[in-house]
C-alpha atoms as a PDB file:
ATOM      1  CA  MET A   1      60.486-178.279  50.706  1.00  0.00           C
ATOM      2  CA  ILE A   2      61.178-176.437  47.279  1.00  0.00           C
ATOM      3  CA  ARG A   3      59.033-173.611  48.397  1.00  0.00           C
ATOM      4  CA  ARG A   4      60.878-173.116  51.481  1.00  0.00           C
ATOM      5  CA  ASP A   5      64.253-173.021  49.575  1.00  0.00           C
ATOM      6  CA  THR A   6      62.819-170.376  47.259  1.00  0.00           C
ATOM      7  CA  ALA A   7      61.702-168.387  50.047  1.00  0.00           C
ATOM      8  CA  ALA A   8      65.127-168.374  51.507  1.00  0.00           C
ATOM      9  CA  VAL A   9      66.729-167.549  48.383  1.00  0.00           C
ATOM     10  CA  ARG A  10      64.272-164.744  47.682  1.00  0.00           C
ATOM     11  CA  ALA A  11      65.127-163.437  51.454  1.00  0.00           C
ATOM     12  CA  ILE A  12      68.941-163.392  50.820  1.00  0.00           C
ATOM     13  CA  ALA A  13      68.331-161.692  47.431  1.00  0.00           C
ATOM     14  CA  LEU A  14      66.426-158.799  49.079  1.00  0.00           C
ATOM     15  CA  ARG A  15      69.075-158.526  51.533  1.00  0.00           C
ATOM     16  CA  ILE A  16      71.425-158.158  48.932  1.00  0.00           C
ATOM     17  CA  THR A  17      69.547-155.740  47.329  1.00  0.00           C
ATOM     18  CA  ARG A  18      69.157-153.546  50.260  1.00  0.00           C
ATOM     19  CA  SER A  19      72.918-153.852  50.879  1.00  0.00           C
ATOM     20  CA  LEU A  20      73.682-152.589  47.423  1.00  0.00           C
ATOM     21  CA  ILE A  21      71.316-149.673  47.933  1.00  0.00           C
ATOM     22  CA  THR A  22      72.858-148.948  51.175  1.00  0.00           C
ATOM     23  CA  THR A  23      76.431-149.147  49.549  1.00  0.00           C
ATOM     24  CA  ALA A  24      75.396-146.705  46.989  1.00  0.00           C
ATOM     25  CA  LEU A  25      74.164-144.268  49.579  1.00  0.00           C
ATOM     26  CA  LEU A  26      77.420-144.608  51.406  1.00  0.00           C
ATOM     27  CA  LEU A  27      79.385-143.914  48.224  1.00  0.00           C
ATOM     28  CA  TRP A  28      77.053-140.795  47.610  1.00  0.00           C
ATOM     29  CA  THR A  29      77.691-139.698  51.531  1.00  0.00           C
ATOM     30  CA  ILE A  30      81.485-140.070  50.673  1.00  0.00           C
ATOM     31  CA  CYS A  31      81.388-137.861  47.313  1.00  0.00           C
ATOM     32  CA  SER A  32      79.316-135.374  49.277  1.00  0.00           C
ATOM     33  CA  GLY A  33      81.669-135.176  52.171  1.00  0.00           C
ATOM     34  CA  VAL A  34      84.633-134.729  49.706  1.00  0.00           C
ATOM     35  CA  GLU A  35      82.726-132.144  47.993  1.00  0.00           C
ATOM     36  CA  ILE A  36      81.847-130.196  51.126  1.00  0.00           C
ATOM     37  CA  ALA A  37      85.267-130.592  52.531  1.00  0.00           C
ATOM     38  CA  THR A  38      87.127-129.352  49.043  1.00  0.00           C
ATOM     39  CA  LYS A  39      84.618-126.370  48.221  1.00  0.00           C
ATOM     40  CA  THR A  40      84.715-124.399  51.480  1.00  0.00           C
ATOM     41  CA  ARG A  41      85.560-121.177  49.639  1.00  0.00           C
ATOM     42  CA  ARG A  42      82.238-120.630  48.498  1.00  0.00           C
ATOM     43  CA  TYR A  43      81.170-119.756  52.032  1.00  0.00           C
ATOM     44  CA  ILE A  44      82.074-116.165  52.503  1.00  0.00           C
ATOM     45  CA  ASP A  45      82.412-116.183  56.366  1.00  0.00           C
ATOM     46  CA  TYR A  46      85.837-117.963  57.547  1.00  0.00           C
ATOM     47  CA  GLU A  47      83.875-119.528  60.561  1.00  0.00           C
ATOM     48  CA  TYR A  48      81.368-121.277  58.349  1.00  0.00           C
ATOM     49  CA  SER A  49      84.151-122.212  56.119  1.00  0.00           C
ATOM     50  CA  GLN A  50      86.115-124.217  58.779  1.00  0.00           C
ATOM     51  CA  TRP A  51      82.765-125.653  60.097  1.00  0.00           C
ATOM     52  CA  ALA A  52      82.021-126.815  56.694  1.00  0.00           C
ATOM     53  CA  PHE A  53      85.484-128.400  56.260  1.00  0.00           C
ATOM     54  CA  HIS A  54      85.159-130.386  59.492  1.00  0.00           C
ATOM     55  CA  VAL A  55      81.855-131.669  58.619  1.00  0.00           C
ATOM     56  CA  GLY A  56      83.110-132.958  55.073  1.00  0.00           C
ATOM     57  CA  VAL A  57      85.886-134.635  56.507  1.00  0.00           C
ATOM     58  CA  VAL A  58      83.780-136.450  59.461  1.00  0.00           C
ATOM     59  CA  THR A  59      81.222-137.288  56.806  1.00  0.00           C
ATOM     60  CA  THR A  60      83.937-138.860  54.503  1.00  0.00           C
ATOM     61  CA  PHE A  61      85.421-140.642  57.261  1.00  0.00           C
ATOM     62  CA  PHE A  62      82.312-142.355  58.467  1.00  0.00           C
ATOM     63  CA  GLY A  63      81.209-142.942  55.036  1.00  0.00           C
ATOM     64  CA  PHE A  64      84.689-144.961  54.414  1.00  0.00           C
ATOM     65  CA  LEU A  65      83.950-146.553  57.763  1.00  0.00           C
ATOM     66  CA  PHE A  66      80.662-147.810  57.444  1.00  0.00           C
ATOM     67  CA  LEU A  67      81.551-148.940  53.581  1.00  0.00           C
ATOM     68  CA  THR A  68      84.642-150.935  54.804  1.00  0.00           C
ATOM     69  CA  LEU A  69      82.211-152.543  57.491  1.00  0.00           C
ATOM     70  CA  GLY A  70      79.460-153.046  55.141  1.00  0.00           C
ATOM     71  CA  ILE A  71      81.542-154.906  52.115  1.00  0.00           C
ATOM     72  CA  PRO A  72      82.229-158.270  54.337  1.00  0.00           C
ATOM     73  CA  ILE A  73      78.578-158.285  55.133  1.00  0.00           C
ATOM     74  CA  LEU A  74      77.555-157.903  51.533  1.00  0.00           C
ATOM     75  CA  ALA A  75      80.216-160.483  50.530  1.00  0.00           C
ATOM     76  CA  ASP A  76      78.923-162.988  53.066  1.00  0.00           C
ATOM     77  CA  LEU A  77      75.206-162.437  51.717  1.00  0.00           C
ATOM     78  CA  PHE A  78      76.415-163.308  48.263  1.00  0.00           C
ATOM     79  CA  LEU A  79      78.197-166.434  49.468  1.00  0.00           C
ATOM     80  CA  LYS A  80      74.921-167.467  51.356  1.00  0.00           C
ATOM     81  CA  LEU A  81      72.995-166.843  48.113  1.00  0.00           C
ATOM     82  CA  THR A  82      75.269-168.997  45.979  1.00  0.00           C
ATOM     83  CA  GLU A  83      75.330-171.717  48.495  1.00  0.00           C
ATOM     84  CA  GLN A  84      71.513-171.923  48.711  1.00  0.00           C
ATOM     85  CA  MET A  85      71.025-171.976  45.212  1.00  0.00           C
ATOM     86  CA  GLN A  86      73.821-174.856  44.679  1.00  0.00           C
ATOM     87  CA  GLN A  87      71.776-176.705  47.368  1.00  0.00           C
ATOM     88  CA  GLN A  88      68.460-176.146  45.803  1.00  0.00           C
ATOM     89  CA  GLU A  89      69.711-177.285  42.236  1.00  0.00           C
ATOM     90  CA  GLU A  90      71.417-180.403  44.082  1.00  0.00           C
ATOM     91  CA  GLU A  91      67.986-181.175  45.853  1.00  0.00           C
ATOM     92  CA  ASN A  92      66.422-180.570  42.394  1.00  0.00           C
ATOM     93  CA  GLY A  93      68.494-182.833  40.604  1.00  0.00           C
ATOM     94  CA  THR A  94      68.225-185.690  43.285  1.00  0.00           C
ATOM     95  CA  HIS A  95      64.535-185.407  43.046  1.00  0.00           C
ATOM     96  CA  GLN A  96      64.424-185.474  39.208  1.00  0.00           C
ATOM     97  CA  GLY A  97      66.900-188.433  39.353  1.00  0.00           C
ATOM     98  CA  SER A  98      64.814-190.435  41.737  1.00  0.00           C
ATOM     99  CA  ASN A  99      61.511-189.530  39.925  1.00  0.00           C
ATOM    100  CA  LEU A 100      63.363-190.963  36.348  1.00  0.00           C
ATOM    101  CA  LYS A 101      64.351-194.215  38.221  1.00  0.00           C
ATOM    102  CA  ALA A 102      60.817-194.869  39.549  1.00  0.00           C
ATOM    103  CA  ASP A 103      59.584-194.177  35.684  1.00  0.00           C
ATOM    104  CA  LYS A 104      62.050-196.663  34.452  1.00  0.00           C
ATOM    105  CA  SER A 105      60.820-199.448  36.856  1.00  0.00           C
ATOM    106  CA  VAL A 106      57.190-199.136  35.958  1.00  0.00           C
END
């Protein structure tokens, strides 16, 4: 029983780690989009300058959208992890308490 709980906690911890990495990549994407949108003057041709600005704005928009959608998922994973850990601590405390009672009666 304890091994199954430990495996569940590890699985949730891995999900949280992946979500944090994804969040960092989304923040990097947003920063890159803002940089592209604001520094279009380094492109000499006007046509490429306009194209770069629109790509930067779209990248920034989708970065914020995905980040906004991902934060509740990340929060839910944190809540599941804390719930799983509390449940595991309660079960470990219950089993240790029953073992102490058995030792006292012997």
